[in-house]
Amino acid sequence: MKKIDHFLRHNPKYSRLQKPLEAARICDAARKEARGRFEVVSFKQGLLTVGVSDSSQAANLQAESQMIINEINEKVGERAVKNIRFKIQ
């Protein structure tokens, strides 16, 4: 995987794929961190949007949002996620 990642990062022809690939990698790490507590909706420019079932679940997750952010960033190896937005679905 590292060889493909290196190739895509250093080949200008594929530079437009960088952001979608990064978003997919971060969303995958967030899904693993979710453990059924929330559903990953999207990631863009440091903002991870997750879906929750109700406002009480959003409040509970908001209280531990910094811990969730740290865990996801640790899994991806960089400080990619800066904020989490909770969306009631």
N, C-alpha and C. Protein backbone atom coordinates (compact mmCIF):
# COMPACT_ATOMS: atom_id res chain seq x y z
N MET A 1 0.83 -1.20 0.00
CA MET A 1 0.00 0.00 0.00
C MET A 1 0.87 1.25 0.00
N LYS A 2 1.97 1.20 0.70
CA LYS A 2 2.83 2.38 0.76
C LYS A 2 3.41 2.71 -0.61
N LYS A 3 3.68 1.72 -1.43
CA LYS A 3 4.22 1.98 -2.75
C LYS A 3 3.18 2.70 -3.61
N ILE A 4 1.93 2.27 -3.55
CA ILE A 4 0.87 2.93 -4.31
C ILE A 4 0.68 4.35 -3.80
N ASP A 5 0.65 4.51 -2.48
CA ASP A 5 0.50 5.83 -1.88
C ASP A 5 1.63 6.75 -2.33
N HIS A 6 2.85 6.26 -2.29
CA HIS A 6 4.01 7.05 -2.72
C HIS A 6 3.88 7.44 -4.19
N PHE A 7 3.49 6.48 -5.01
CA PHE A 7 3.33 6.75 -6.44
C PHE A 7 2.28 7.82 -6.69
N LEU A 8 1.13 7.71 -6.03
CA LEU A 8 0.05 8.68 -6.23
C LEU A 8 0.42 10.07 -5.74
N ARG A 9 1.17 10.14 -4.66
CA ARG A 9 1.57 11.44 -4.11
C ARG A 9 2.59 12.15 -4.99
N HIS A 10 3.43 11.40 -5.65
CA HIS A 10 4.54 12.01 -6.38
C HIS A 10 4.35 12.02 -7.89
N ASN A 11 3.21 11.64 -8.37
CA ASN A 11 2.93 11.68 -9.79
C ASN A 11 1.88 12.76 -10.05
N PRO A 12 2.25 13.85 -10.70
CA PRO A 12 1.32 14.97 -10.91
C PRO A 12 0.03 14.57 -11.62
N LYS A 13 0.10 13.53 -12.42
CA LYS A 13 -1.07 13.06 -13.15
C LYS A 13 -2.20 12.65 -12.19
N TYR A 14 -1.84 12.18 -11.00
CA TYR A 14 -2.83 11.68 -10.05
C TYR A 14 -3.06 12.62 -8.87
N SER A 15 -2.57 13.84 -8.95
CA SER A 15 -2.67 14.75 -7.80
C SER A 15 -4.12 15.08 -7.45
N ARG A 16 -5.01 15.06 -8.43
CA ARG A 16 -6.42 15.37 -8.13
C ARG A 16 -7.09 14.26 -7.32
N LEU A 17 -6.46 13.11 -7.23
CA LEU A 17 -7.03 12.00 -6.45
C LEU A 17 -6.64 12.06 -4.98
N GLN A 18 -5.70 12.92 -4.63
CA GLN A 18 -5.20 12.98 -3.26
C GLN A 18 -6.30 13.22 -2.22
N LYS A 19 -7.09 14.26 -2.41
CA LYS A 19 -8.11 14.60 -1.42
C LYS A 19 -9.17 13.52 -1.26
N PRO A 20 -9.71 12.96 -2.35
CA PRO A 20 -10.69 11.88 -2.17
C PRO A 20 -10.09 10.64 -1.50
N LEU A 21 -8.84 10.32 -1.82
CA LEU A 21 -8.20 9.17 -1.18
C LEU A 21 -7.97 9.42 0.30
N GLU A 22 -7.56 10.64 0.65
CA GLU A 22 -7.36 10.99 2.05
C GLU A 22 -8.70 10.92 2.80
N ALA A 23 -9.75 11.44 2.20
CA ALA A 23 -11.07 11.42 2.83
C ALA A 23 -11.54 9.99 3.05
N ALA A 24 -11.31 9.12 2.08
CA ALA A 24 -11.71 7.71 2.21
C ALA A 24 -10.93 7.04 3.34
N ARG A 25 -9.65 7.32 3.43
CA ARG A 25 -8.81 6.73 4.49
C ARG A 25 -9.27 7.19 5.87
N ILE A 26 -9.60 8.47 6.00
CA ILE A 26 -10.04 9.02 7.28
C ILE A 26 -11.42 8.49 7.64
N CYS A 27 -12.32 8.42 6.67
CA CYS A 27 -13.66 7.88 6.93
C CYS A 27 -13.57 6.42 7.36
N ASP A 28 -12.66 5.65 6.77
CA ASP A 28 -12.48 4.26 7.16
C ASP A 28 -12.01 4.16 8.61
N ALA A 29 -11.05 4.99 8.98
CA ALA A 29 -10.57 4.99 10.37
C ALA A 29 -11.68 5.41 11.33
N ALA A 30 -12.50 6.36 10.92
CA ALA A 30 -13.61 6.82 11.76
C ALA A 30 -14.66 5.73 11.93
N ARG A 31 -14.93 4.96 10.87
CA ARG A 31 -15.89 3.86 10.97
C ARG A 31 -15.42 2.81 11.97
N LYS A 32 -14.13 2.55 11.97
CA LYS A 32 -13.57 1.59 12.93
C LYS A 32 -13.69 2.13 14.36
N GLU A 33 -13.51 3.42 14.52
CA GLU A 33 -13.60 4.05 15.84
C GLU A 33 -15.06 4.13 16.31
N ALA A 34 -16.00 4.17 15.39
CA ALA A 34 -17.42 4.35 15.73
C ALA A 34 -17.96 3.24 16.61
N ARG A 35 -17.60 2.02 16.31
CA ARG A 35 -18.09 0.85 17.06
C ARG A 35 -19.60 0.90 17.30
N GLY A 36 -20.35 1.30 16.27
CA GLY A 36 -21.81 1.32 16.34
C GLY A 36 -22.41 2.53 17.01
N ARG A 37 -21.60 3.44 17.50
CA ARG A 37 -22.13 4.62 18.21
C ARG A 37 -22.60 5.70 17.26
N PHE A 38 -22.00 5.78 16.08
CA PHE A 38 -22.39 6.78 15.10
C PHE A 38 -22.08 6.26 13.70
N GLU A 39 -22.63 6.94 12.70
CA GLU A 39 -22.41 6.58 11.30
C GLU A 39 -21.61 7.70 10.64
N VAL A 40 -20.55 7.34 9.97
CA VAL A 40 -19.72 8.34 9.29
C VAL A 40 -20.44 8.80 8.03
N VAL A 41 -20.58 10.12 7.88
CA VAL A 41 -21.26 10.69 6.72
C VAL A 41 -20.24 11.21 5.71
N SER A 42 -19.30 12.06 6.16
CA SER A 42 -18.33 12.63 5.23
C SER A 42 -17.14 13.23 5.97
N PHE A 43 -16.09 13.53 5.20
CA PHE A 43 -14.93 14.24 5.71
C PHE A 43 -14.49 15.24 4.66
N LYS A 44 -14.32 16.49 5.07
CA LYS A 44 -13.85 17.52 4.14
C LYS A 44 -13.17 18.63 4.93
N GLN A 45 -11.96 18.99 4.54
CA GLN A 45 -11.21 20.10 5.11
C GLN A 45 -11.15 20.08 6.64
N GLY A 46 -10.84 18.93 7.20
CA GLY A 46 -10.67 18.82 8.64
C GLY A 46 -11.94 18.61 9.42
N LEU A 47 -13.09 18.60 8.76
CA LEU A 47 -14.38 18.44 9.43
C LEU A 47 -14.96 17.07 9.12
N LEU A 48 -15.12 16.26 10.17
CA LEU A 48 -15.73 14.95 10.05
C LEU A 48 -17.20 15.08 10.43
N THR A 49 -18.09 14.71 9.53
CA THR A 49 -19.53 14.76 9.81
C THR A 49 -19.99 13.34 10.08
N VAL A 50 -20.66 13.18 11.23
CA VAL A 50 -21.17 11.86 11.61
C VAL A 50 -22.66 11.96 11.90
N GLY A 51 -23.36 10.88 11.63
CA GLY A 51 -24.79 10.82 11.88
C GLY A 51 -25.08 10.11 13.19
N VAL A 52 -26.03 10.65 13.93
CA VAL A 52 -26.47 10.05 15.19
C VAL A 52 -27.99 9.95 15.17
N SER A 53 -28.54 9.13 16.07
CA SER A 53 -29.98 8.89 16.04
C SER A 53 -30.80 9.96 16.73
N ASP A 54 -30.23 10.61 17.76
CA ASP A 54 -31.00 11.64 18.46
C ASP A 54 -30.07 12.63 19.16
N SER A 55 -30.66 13.68 19.72
CA SER A 55 -29.86 14.75 20.32
C SER A 55 -29.13 14.31 21.58
N SER A 56 -29.68 13.36 22.32
CA SER A 56 -28.99 12.90 23.53
C SER A 56 -27.72 12.14 23.15
N GLN A 57 -27.79 11.36 22.09
CA GLN A 57 -26.59 10.66 21.62
C GLN A 57 -25.55 11.67 21.12
N ALA A 58 -26.01 12.71 20.44
CA ALA A 58 -25.10 13.76 19.97
C ALA A 58 -24.42 14.44 21.14
N ALA A 59 -25.18 14.72 22.20
CA ALA A 59 -24.61 15.38 23.38
C ALA A 59 -23.57 14.49 24.05
N ASN A 60 -23.86 13.21 24.16
CA ASN A 60 -22.92 12.28 24.78
C ASN A 60 -21.62 12.19 23.97
N LEU A 61 -21.77 12.10 22.66
CA LEU A 61 -20.58 12.02 21.81
C LEU A 61 -19.82 13.34 21.76
N GLN A 62 -20.54 14.45 21.87
CA GLN A 62 -19.88 15.76 21.89
C GLN A 62 -18.95 15.86 23.09
N ALA A 63 -19.37 15.28 24.21
CA ALA A 63 -18.56 15.31 25.42
C ALA A 63 -17.24 14.57 25.24
N GLU A 64 -17.24 13.55 24.40
CA GLU A 64 -16.01 12.79 24.17
C GLU A 64 -15.43 13.02 22.78
N SER A 65 -15.82 14.11 22.14
CA SER A 65 -15.39 14.36 20.76
C SER A 65 -13.87 14.52 20.63
N GLN A 66 -13.22 15.16 21.59
CA GLN A 66 -11.77 15.33 21.49
C GLN A 66 -11.06 13.98 21.56
N MET A 67 -11.57 13.07 22.38
CA MET A 67 -10.98 11.74 22.46
C MET A 67 -11.18 10.99 21.13
N ILE A 68 -12.36 11.13 20.52
CA ILE A 68 -12.64 10.50 19.23
C ILE A 68 -11.70 11.06 18.16
N ILE A 69 -11.54 12.37 18.14
CA ILE A 69 -10.65 13.03 17.18
C ILE A 69 -9.22 12.51 17.34
N ASN A 70 -8.75 12.44 18.58
CA ASN A 70 -7.39 11.96 18.84
C ASN A 70 -7.20 10.52 18.37
N GLU A 71 -8.19 9.66 18.62
CA GLU A 71 -8.09 8.26 18.21
C GLU A 71 -8.03 8.12 16.69
N ILE A 72 -8.88 8.86 16.00
CA ILE A 72 -8.89 8.80 14.53
C ILE A 72 -7.57 9.32 13.97
N ASN A 73 -7.11 10.45 14.49
CA ASN A 73 -5.84 11.02 14.01
C ASN A 73 -4.67 10.08 14.27
N GLU A 74 -4.71 9.38 15.39
CA GLU A 74 -3.66 8.42 15.70
C GLU A 74 -3.68 7.27 14.69
N LYS A 75 -4.88 6.82 14.33
CA LYS A 75 -4.99 5.72 13.36
C LYS A 75 -4.49 6.10 11.98
N VAL A 76 -4.73 7.34 11.56
CA VAL A 76 -4.29 7.76 10.22
C VAL A 76 -2.87 8.31 10.22
N GLY A 77 -2.31 8.57 11.39
CA GLY A 77 -0.93 9.01 11.49
C GLY A 77 -0.69 10.47 11.20
N GLU A 78 -1.72 11.27 11.27
CA GLU A 78 -1.57 12.73 11.08
C GLU A 78 -2.75 13.43 11.74
N ARG A 79 -2.61 14.74 11.90
CA ARG A 79 -3.68 15.53 12.52
C ARG A 79 -4.63 16.01 11.43
N ALA A 80 -5.41 15.09 10.89
CA ALA A 80 -6.31 15.39 9.77
C ALA A 80 -7.66 15.90 10.25
N VAL A 81 -8.22 15.24 11.27
CA VAL A 81 -9.54 15.63 11.78
C VAL A 81 -9.34 16.71 12.83
N LYS A 82 -10.00 17.84 12.62
CA LYS A 82 -9.89 18.95 13.57
C LYS A 82 -11.19 19.17 14.34
N ASN A 83 -12.32 18.86 13.72
CA ASN A 83 -13.63 19.02 14.35
C ASN A 83 -14.56 17.90 13.92
N ILE A 84 -15.58 17.67 14.74
CA ILE A 84 -16.64 16.72 14.40
C ILE A 84 -17.96 17.45 14.44
N ARG A 85 -18.76 17.24 13.41
CA ARG A 85 -20.11 17.79 13.39
C ARG A 85 -21.07 16.61 13.51
N PHE A 86 -22.02 16.74 14.43
CA PHE A 86 -23.01 15.68 14.65
C PHE A 86 -24.30 16.04 13.95
N LYS A 87 -24.77 15.14 13.12
CA LYS A 87 -25.98 15.36 12.33
C LYS A 87 -27.02 14.33 12.76
N ILE A 88 -28.18 14.82 13.22
CA ILE A 88 -29.24 13.91 13.66
C ILE A 88 -29.95 13.39 12.42
N GLN A 89 -30.00 12.07 12.31
CA GLN A 89 -30.60 11.44 11.13
C GLN A 89 -31.91 10.78 11.45
